[in-house]
Amino acid sequence: MELPPPNRTRSHAWLDRRSLALDQAIARKLRAQPKLLQCARTILRRWVRQRYPAVPAPRREWGEILNSWPLEKSWRFS
């Protein structure tokens, strides 16, 4: 992903592309190393505890993905 010049504000579209790229990288890593799933769940629980009740939407969404979805559906991001 190409970064915008340092003195320019990043667009909403750029931020969306960055978020998608990060989600895809996470999904690929979990597919390659399924044992990391429990580690990811533990870290996410800690992050949620630290921010409760103001938990950012992406963390809530990842909580749903990691705790509720079948792995095959989680990996569709990659």
PDB file of N, CA and C in Angstrom:
ATOM      1  N   MET A   1       0.847  -1.175   0.000  1.00  0.00           N
ATOM      2  CA  MET A   1       0.000   0.000   0.000  1.00  0.00           C
ATOM      3  C   MET A   1       0.889   1.233   0.000  1.00  0.00           C
ATOM      4  N   GLU A   2       0.551   2.155  -0.833  1.00  0.00           N
ATOM      5  CA  GLU A   2       1.321   3.388  -0.946  1.00  0.00           C
ATOM      6  C   GLU A   2       0.901   4.377   0.131  1.00  0.00           C
ATOM      7  N   LEU A   3       1.881   4.962   0.797  1.00  0.00           N
ATOM      8  CA  LEU A   3       1.598   5.955   1.835  1.00  0.00           C
ATOM      9  C   LEU A   3       1.416   7.325   1.204  1.00  0.00           C
ATOM     10  N   PRO A   4       0.517   8.136   1.778  1.00  0.00           N
ATOM     11  CA  PRO A   4       0.377   9.511   1.274  1.00  0.00           C
ATOM     12  C   PRO A   4       1.591  10.327   1.713  1.00  0.00           C
ATOM     13  N   PRO A   5       1.829  11.452   1.064  1.00  0.00           N
ATOM     14  CA  PRO A   5       2.928  12.313   1.506  1.00  0.00           C
ATOM     15  C   PRO A   5       2.764  12.659   2.990  1.00  0.00           C
ATOM     16  N   PRO A   6       3.869  12.855   3.714  1.00  0.00           N
ATOM     17  CA  PRO A   6       3.807  13.057   5.170  1.00  0.00           C
ATOM     18  C   PRO A   6       2.964  14.246   5.619  1.00  0.00           C
ATOM     19  N   ASN A   7       2.864  15.279   4.813  1.00  0.00           N
ATOM     20  CA  ASN A   7       2.131  16.473   5.230  1.00  0.00           C
ATOM     21  C   ASN A   7       0.683  16.483   4.748  1.00  0.00           C
ATOM     22  N   ARG A   8       0.190  15.367   4.204  1.00  0.00           N
ATOM     23  CA  ARG A   8      -1.182  15.304   3.717  1.00  0.00           C
ATOM     24  C   ARG A   8      -2.034  14.440   4.620  1.00  0.00           C
ATOM     25  N   THR A   9      -3.261  14.808   4.758  1.00  0.00           N
ATOM     26  CA  THR A   9      -4.210  14.029   5.529  1.00  0.00           C
ATOM     27  C   THR A   9      -4.567  12.765   4.749  1.00  0.00           C
ATOM     28  N   ARG A  10      -4.643  11.667   5.451  1.00  0.00           N
ATOM     29  CA  ARG A  10      -5.024  10.410   4.812  1.00  0.00           C
ATOM     30  C   ARG A  10      -6.532  10.398   4.591  1.00  0.00           C
ATOM     31  N   SER A  11      -6.922   9.974   3.415  1.00  0.00           N
ATOM     32  CA  SER A  11      -8.349   9.953   3.078  1.00  0.00           C
ATOM     33  C   SER A  11      -9.034   8.782   3.772  1.00  0.00           C
ATOM     34  N   HIS A  12     -10.353   8.873   3.832  1.00  0.00           N
ATOM     35  CA  HIS A  12     -11.140   7.785   4.411  1.00  0.00           C
ATOM     36  C   HIS A  12     -10.940   6.505   3.594  1.00  0.00           C
ATOM     37  N   ALA A  13     -10.885   6.658   2.287  1.00  0.00           N
ATOM     38  CA  ALA A  13     -10.676   5.494   1.420  1.00  0.00           C
ATOM     39  C   ALA A  13      -9.312   4.853   1.702  1.00  0.00           C
ATOM     40  N   TRP A  14      -8.282   5.673   1.894  1.00  0.00           N
ATOM     41  CA  TRP A  14      -6.954   5.133   2.204  1.00  0.00           C
ATOM     42  C   TRP A  14      -6.992   4.377   3.526  1.00  0.00           C
ATOM     43  N   LEU A  15      -7.654   4.952   4.530  1.00  0.00           N
ATOM     44  CA  LEU A  15      -7.764   4.286   5.832  1.00  0.00           C
ATOM     45  C   LEU A  15      -8.511   2.967   5.708  1.00  0.00           C
ATOM     46  N   ASP A  16      -9.568   2.933   4.886  1.00  0.00           N
ATOM     47  CA  ASP A  16     -10.304   1.683   4.658  1.00  0.00           C
ATOM     48  C   ASP A  16      -9.411   0.631   4.006  1.00  0.00           C
ATOM     49  N   ARG A  17      -8.615   1.052   3.016  1.00  0.00           N
ATOM     50  CA  ARG A  17      -7.711   0.102   2.350  1.00  0.00           C
ATOM     51  C   ARG A  17      -6.664  -0.420   3.333  1.00  0.00           C
ATOM     52  N   ARG A  18      -6.155   0.464   4.189  1.00  0.00           N
ATOM     53  CA  ARG A  18      -5.175   0.033   5.185  1.00  0.00           C
ATOM     54  C   ARG A  18      -5.802  -0.971   6.141  1.00  0.00           C
ATOM     55  N   SER A  19      -7.004  -0.693   6.616  1.00  0.00           N
ATOM     56  CA  SER A  19      -7.684  -1.606   7.538  1.00  0.00           C
ATOM     57  C   SER A  19      -7.915  -2.967   6.885  1.00  0.00           C
ATOM     58  N   LEU A  20      -8.353  -2.967   5.637  1.00  0.00           N
ATOM     59  CA  LEU A  20      -8.574  -4.228   4.933  1.00  0.00           C
ATOM     60  C   LEU A  20      -7.260  -4.994   4.783  1.00  0.00           C
ATOM     61  N   ALA A  21      -6.181  -4.292   4.447  1.00  0.00           N
ATOM     62  CA  ALA A  21      -4.881  -4.958   4.297  1.00  0.00           C
ATOM     63  C   ALA A  21      -4.441  -5.581   5.620  1.00  0.00           C
ATOM     64  N   LEU A  22      -4.655  -4.885   6.723  1.00  0.00           N
ATOM     65  CA  LEU A  22      -4.294  -5.444   8.032  1.00  0.00           C
ATOM     66  C   LEU A  22      -5.154  -6.662   8.359  1.00  0.00           C
ATOM     67  N   ASP A  23      -6.456  -6.575   8.107  1.00  0.00           N
ATOM     68  CA  ASP A  23      -7.354  -7.711   8.348  1.00  0.00           C
ATOM     69  C   ASP A  23      -6.928  -8.919   7.519  1.00  0.00           C
ATOM     70  N   GLN A  24      -6.561  -8.673   6.263  1.00  0.00           N
ATOM     71  CA  GLN A  24      -6.132  -9.766   5.393  1.00  0.00           C
ATOM     72  C   GLN A  24      -4.841 -10.404   5.905  1.00  0.00           C
ATOM     73  N   ALA A  25      -3.908  -9.576   6.378  1.00  0.00           N
ATOM     74  CA  ALA A  25      -2.650 -10.110   6.913  1.00  0.00           C
ATOM     75  C   ALA A  25      -2.904 -10.973   8.147  1.00  0.00           C
ATOM     76  N   ILE A  26      -3.800 -10.515   9.009  1.00  0.00           N
ATOM     77  CA  ILE A  26      -4.145 -11.283  10.213  1.00  0.00           C
ATOM     78  C   ILE A  26      -4.768 -12.621   9.817  1.00  0.00           C
ATOM     79  N   ALA A  27      -5.711 -12.593   8.893  1.00  0.00           N
ATOM     80  CA  ALA A  27      -6.377 -13.829   8.474  1.00  0.00           C
ATOM     81  C   ALA A  27      -5.379 -14.812   7.856  1.00  0.00           C
ATOM     82  N   ARG A  28      -4.454 -14.312   7.038  1.00  0.00           N
ATOM     83  CA  ARG A  28      -3.445 -15.196   6.438  1.00  0.00           C
ATOM     84  C   ARG A  28      -2.570 -15.835   7.515  1.00  0.00           C
ATOM     85  N   LYS A  29      -2.187 -15.042   8.499  1.00  0.00           N
ATOM     86  CA  LYS A  29      -1.332 -15.568   9.568  1.00  0.00           C
ATOM     87  C   LYS A  29      -2.081 -16.626  10.380  1.00  0.00           C
ATOM     88  N   LEU A  30      -3.340 -16.383  10.688  1.00  0.00           N
ATOM     89  CA  LEU A  30      -4.117 -17.365  11.441  1.00  0.00           C
ATOM     90  C   LEU A  30      -4.332 -18.644  10.631  1.00  0.00           C
ATOM     91  N   ARG A  31      -4.491 -18.501   9.319  1.00  0.00           N
ATOM     92  CA  ARG A  31      -4.641 -19.686   8.472  1.00  0.00           C
ATOM     93  C   ARG A  31      -3.353 -20.503   8.488  1.00  0.00           C
ATOM     94  N   ALA A  32      -2.211 -19.833   8.430  1.00  0.00           N
ATOM     95  CA  ALA A  32      -0.920 -20.521   8.401  1.00  0.00           C
ATOM     96  C   ALA A  32      -0.556 -21.126   9.753  1.00  0.00           C
ATOM     97  N   GLN A  33      -1.025 -20.486  10.842  1.00  0.00           N
ATOM     98  CA  GLN A  33      -0.668 -20.935  12.187  1.00  0.00           C
ATOM     99  C   GLN A  33      -1.919 -20.931  13.076  1.00  0.00           C
ATOM    100  N   PRO A  34      -2.801 -21.917  12.911  1.00  0.00           N
ATOM    101  CA  PRO A  34      -4.068 -21.931  13.642  1.00  0.00           C
ATOM    102  C   PRO A  34      -3.917 -21.857  15.165  1.00  0.00           C
ATOM    103  N   LYS A  35      -2.792 -22.303  15.698  1.00  0.00           N
ATOM    104  CA  LYS A  35      -2.606 -22.243  17.148  1.00  0.00           C
ATOM    105  C   LYS A  35      -2.550 -20.803  17.659  1.00  0.00           C
ATOM    106  N   LEU A  36      -2.299 -19.853  16.771  1.00  0.00           N
ATOM    107  CA  LEU A  36      -2.277 -18.448  17.172  1.00  0.00           C
ATOM    108  C   LEU A  36      -3.668 -17.931  17.513  1.00  0.00           C
ATOM    109  N   LEU A  37      -4.696 -18.682  17.124  1.00  0.00           N
ATOM    110  CA  LEU A  37      -6.068 -18.237  17.366  1.00  0.00           C
ATOM    111  C   LEU A  37      -6.332 -18.013  18.846  1.00  0.00           C
ATOM    112  N   GLN A  38      -5.896 -18.935  19.701  1.00  0.00           N
ATOM    113  CA  GLN A  38      -6.121 -18.754  21.142  1.00  0.00           C
ATOM    114  C   GLN A  38      -5.351 -17.553  21.664  1.00  0.00           C
ATOM    115  N   CYS A  39      -4.146 -17.346  21.172  1.00  0.00           N
ATOM    116  CA  CYS A  39      -3.355 -16.175  21.563  1.00  0.00           C
ATOM    117  C   CYS A  39      -4.084 -14.892  21.154  1.00  0.00           C
ATOM    118  N   ALA A  40      -4.622 -14.879  19.928  1.00  0.00           N
ATOM    119  CA  ALA A  40      -5.364 -13.708  19.449  1.00  0.00           C
ATOM    120  C   ALA A  40      -6.589 -13.445  20.310  1.00  0.00           C
ATOM    121  N   ARG A  41      -7.290 -14.501  20.696  1.00  0.00           N
ATOM    122  CA  ARG A  41      -8.473 -14.336  21.565  1.00  0.00           C
ATOM    123  C   ARG A  41      -8.080 -13.748  22.917  1.00  0.00           C
ATOM    124  N   THR A  42      -6.984 -14.224  23.474  1.00  0.00           N
ATOM    125  CA  THR A  42      -6.516 -13.730  24.781  1.00  0.00           C
ATOM    126  C   THR A  42      -6.151 -12.253  24.699  1.00  0.00           C
ATOM    127  N   ILE A  43      -5.407 -11.885  23.675  1.00  0.00           N
ATOM    128  CA  ILE A  43      -5.008 -10.485  23.506  1.00  0.00           C
ATOM    129  C   ILE A  43      -6.231  -9.602  23.301  1.00  0.00           C
ATOM    130  N   LEU A  44      -7.160 -10.060  22.477  1.00  0.00           N
ATOM    131  CA  LEU A  44      -8.363  -9.275  22.224  1.00  0.00           C
ATOM    132  C   LEU A  44      -9.174  -9.083  23.506  1.00  0.00           C
ATOM    133  N   ARG A  45      -9.309 -10.124  24.328  1.00  0.00           N
ATOM    134  CA  ARG A  45     -10.030  -9.979  25.605  1.00  0.00           C
ATOM    135  C   ARG A  45      -9.364  -8.919  26.478  1.00  0.00           C
ATOM    136  N   ARG A  46      -8.027  -8.920  26.499  1.00  0.00           N
ATOM    137  CA  ARG A  46      -7.306  -7.922  27.299  1.00  0.00           C
ATOM    138  C   ARG A  46      -7.569  -6.513  26.767  1.00  0.00           C
ATOM    139  N   TRP A  47      -7.505  -6.342  25.450  1.00  0.00           N
ATOM    140  CA  TRP A  47      -7.763  -5.030  24.865  1.00  0.00           C
ATOM    141  C   TRP A  47      -9.182  -4.553  25.177  1.00  0.00           C
ATOM    142  N   VAL A  48     -10.147  -5.454  25.113  1.00  0.00           N
ATOM    143  CA  VAL A  48     -11.543  -5.087  25.403  1.00  0.00           C
ATOM    144  C   VAL A  48     -11.674  -4.666  26.861  1.00  0.00           C
ATOM    145  N   ARG A  49     -11.066  -5.428  27.777  1.00  0.00           N
ATOM    146  CA  ARG A  49     -11.108  -5.059  29.213  1.00  0.00           C
ATOM    147  C   ARG A  49     -10.515  -3.669  29.437  1.00  0.00           C
ATOM    148  N   GLN A  50      -9.428  -3.373  28.752  1.00  0.00           N
ATOM    149  CA  GLN A  50      -8.759  -2.088  28.929  1.00  0.00           C
ATOM    150  C   GLN A  50      -9.604  -0.922  28.430  1.00  0.00           C
ATOM    151  N   ARG A  51     -10.429  -1.134  27.434  1.00  0.00           N
ATOM    152  CA  ARG A  51     -11.203  -0.053  26.827  1.00  0.00           C
ATOM    153  C   ARG A  51     -12.676  -0.046  27.225  1.00  0.00           C
ATOM    154  N   TYR A  52     -13.127  -1.059  27.959  1.00  0.00           N
ATOM    155  CA  TYR A  52     -14.543  -1.166  28.306  1.00  0.00           C
ATOM    156  C   TYR A  52     -14.974   0.071  29.082  1.00  0.00           C
ATOM    157  N   PRO A  53     -16.134   0.659  28.831  1.00  0.00           N
ATOM    158  CA  PRO A  53     -17.161   0.248  27.874  1.00  0.00           C
ATOM    159  C   PRO A  53     -16.972   0.848  26.477  1.00  0.00           C
ATOM    160  N   ALA A  54     -15.927   1.661  26.274  1.00  0.00           N
ATOM    161  CA  ALA A  54     -15.725   2.327  24.976  1.00  0.00           C
ATOM    162  C   ALA A  54     -14.833   1.482  24.067  1.00  0.00           C
ATOM    163  N   VAL A  55     -15.290   0.288  23.743  1.00  0.00           N
ATOM    164  CA  VAL A  55     -14.506  -0.625  22.914  1.00  0.00           C
ATOM    165  C   VAL A  55     -14.687  -0.220  21.445  1.00  0.00           C
ATOM    166  N   PRO A  56     -13.571   0.055  20.731  1.00  0.00           N
ATOM    167  CA  PRO A  56     -13.694   0.445  19.327  1.00  0.00           C
ATOM    168  C   PRO A  56     -14.371  -0.649  18.492  1.00  0.00           C
ATOM    169  N   ALA A  57     -15.129  -0.225  17.508  1.00  0.00           N
ATOM    170  CA  ALA A  57     -15.886  -1.164  16.661  1.00  0.00           C
ATOM    171  C   ALA A  57     -15.013  -2.266  16.054  1.00  0.00           C
ATOM    172  N   PRO A  58     -13.823  -1.960  15.527  1.00  0.00           N
ATOM    173  CA  PRO A  58     -13.026  -3.056  14.948  1.00  0.00           C
ATOM    174  C   PRO A  58     -12.674  -4.138  15.972  1.00  0.00           C
ATOM    175  N   ARG A  59     -12.458  -3.764  17.206  1.00  0.00           N
ATOM    176  CA  ARG A  59     -12.157  -4.777  18.228  1.00  0.00           C
ATOM    177  C   ARG A  59     -13.384  -5.625  18.522  1.00  0.00           C
ATOM    178  N   ARG A  60     -14.554  -4.997  18.560  1.00  0.00           N
ATOM    179  CA  ARG A  60     -15.786  -5.770  18.756  1.00  0.00           C
ATOM    180  C   ARG A  60     -15.997  -6.723  17.586  1.00  0.00           C
ATOM    181  N   GLU A  61     -15.736  -6.233  16.376  1.00  0.00           N
ATOM    182  CA  GLU A  61     -15.928  -7.070  15.188  1.00  0.00           C
ATOM    183  C   GLU A  61     -14.965  -8.251  15.197  1.00  0.00           C
ATOM    184  N   TRP A  62     -13.699  -8.020  15.551  1.00  0.00           N
ATOM    185  CA  TRP A  62     -12.747  -9.123  15.623  1.00  0.00           C
ATOM    186  C   TRP A  62     -13.134 -10.102  16.728  1.00  0.00           C
ATOM    187  N   GLY A  63     -13.700  -9.600  17.818  1.00  0.00           N
ATOM    188  CA  GLY A  63     -14.173 -10.499  18.866  1.00  0.00           C
ATOM    189  C   GLY A  63     -15.233 -11.435  18.337  1.00  0.00           C
ATOM    190  N   GLU A  64     -16.166 -10.900  17.547  1.00  0.00           N
ATOM    191  CA  GLU A  64     -17.202 -11.743  16.953  1.00  0.00           C
ATOM    192  C   GLU A  64     -16.579 -12.761  16.004  1.00  0.00           C
ATOM    193  N   ILE A  65     -15.640 -12.301  15.178  1.00  0.00           N
ATOM    194  CA  ILE A  65     -14.999 -13.194  14.210  1.00  0.00           C
ATOM    195  C   ILE A  65     -14.257 -14.313  14.927  1.00  0.00           C
ATOM    196  N   LEU A  66     -13.444 -13.964  15.907  1.00  0.00           N
ATOM    197  CA  LEU A  66     -12.596 -14.959  16.575  1.00  0.00           C
ATOM    198  C   LEU A  66     -13.379 -15.904  17.472  1.00  0.00           C
ATOM    199  N   ASN A  67     -14.488 -15.447  18.012  1.00  0.00           N
ATOM    200  CA  ASN A  67     -15.214 -16.258  18.990  1.00  0.00           C
ATOM    201  C   ASN A  67     -16.459 -16.940  18.439  1.00  0.00           C
ATOM    202  N   SER A  68     -16.966 -16.484  17.310  1.00  0.00           N
ATOM    203  CA  SER A  68     -18.243 -17.015  16.834  1.00  0.00           C
ATOM    204  C   SER A  68     -18.184 -17.658  15.461  1.00  0.00           C
ATOM    205  N   TRP A  69     -17.349 -17.153  14.590  1.00  0.00           N
ATOM    206  CA  TRP A  69     -17.352 -17.640  13.219  1.00  0.00           C
ATOM    207  C   TRP A  69     -16.584 -18.944  13.095  1.00  0.00           C
ATOM    208  N   PRO A  70     -17.002 -19.814  12.181  1.00  0.00           N
ATOM    209  CA  PRO A  70     -16.157 -20.965  11.846  1.00  0.00           C
ATOM    210  C   PRO A  70     -14.872 -20.435  11.204  1.00  0.00           C
ATOM    211  N   LEU A  71     -13.778 -21.133  11.397  1.00  0.00           N
ATOM    212  CA  LEU A  71     -12.495 -20.654  10.872  1.00  0.00           C
ATOM    213  C   LEU A  71     -12.543 -20.360   9.379  1.00  0.00           C
ATOM    214  N   GLU A  72     -13.225 -21.193   8.615  1.00  0.00           N
ATOM    215  CA  GLU A  72     -13.263 -20.996   7.169  1.00  0.00           C
ATOM    216  C   GLU A  72     -13.877 -19.639   6.813  1.00  0.00           C
ATOM    217  N   LYS A  73     -14.881 -19.217   7.559  1.00  0.00           N
ATOM    218  CA  LYS A  73     -15.501 -17.916   7.293  1.00  0.00           C
ATOM    219  C   LYS A  73     -14.551 -16.804   7.703  1.00  0.00           C
ATOM    220  N   SER A  74     -13.808 -16.967   8.797  1.00  0.00           N
ATOM    221  CA  SER A  74     -12.854 -15.960   9.242  1.00  0.00           C
ATOM    222  C   SER A  74     -11.765 -15.750   8.194  1.00  0.00           C
ATOM    223  N   TRP A  75     -11.378 -16.811   7.525  1.00  0.00           N
ATOM    224  CA  TRP A  75     -10.272 -16.732   6.579  1.00  0.00           C
ATOM    225  C   TRP A  75     -10.657 -16.101   5.252  1.00  0.00           C
ATOM    226  N   ARG A  76     -11.921 -15.800   5.043  1.00  0.00           N
ATOM    227  CA  ARG A  76     -12.324 -15.231   3.748  1.00  0.00           C
ATOM    228  C   ARG A  76     -11.678 -13.864   3.513  1.00  0.00           C
ATOM    229  N   PHE A  77     -11.173 -13.213   4.583  1.00  0.00           N
ATOM    230  CA  PHE A  77     -10.515 -11.927   4.433  1.00  0.00           C
ATOM    231  C   PHE A  77      -9.207 -12.044   3.661  1.00  0.00           C
ATOM    232  N   SER A  78      -8.592 -13.229   3.712  1.00  0.00           N
ATOM    233  CA  SER A  78      -7.240 -13.337   3.143  1.00  0.00           C
ATOM    234  C   SER A  78      -7.233 -13.609   1.656  1.00  0.00           C
TER     235      SER A  78
END
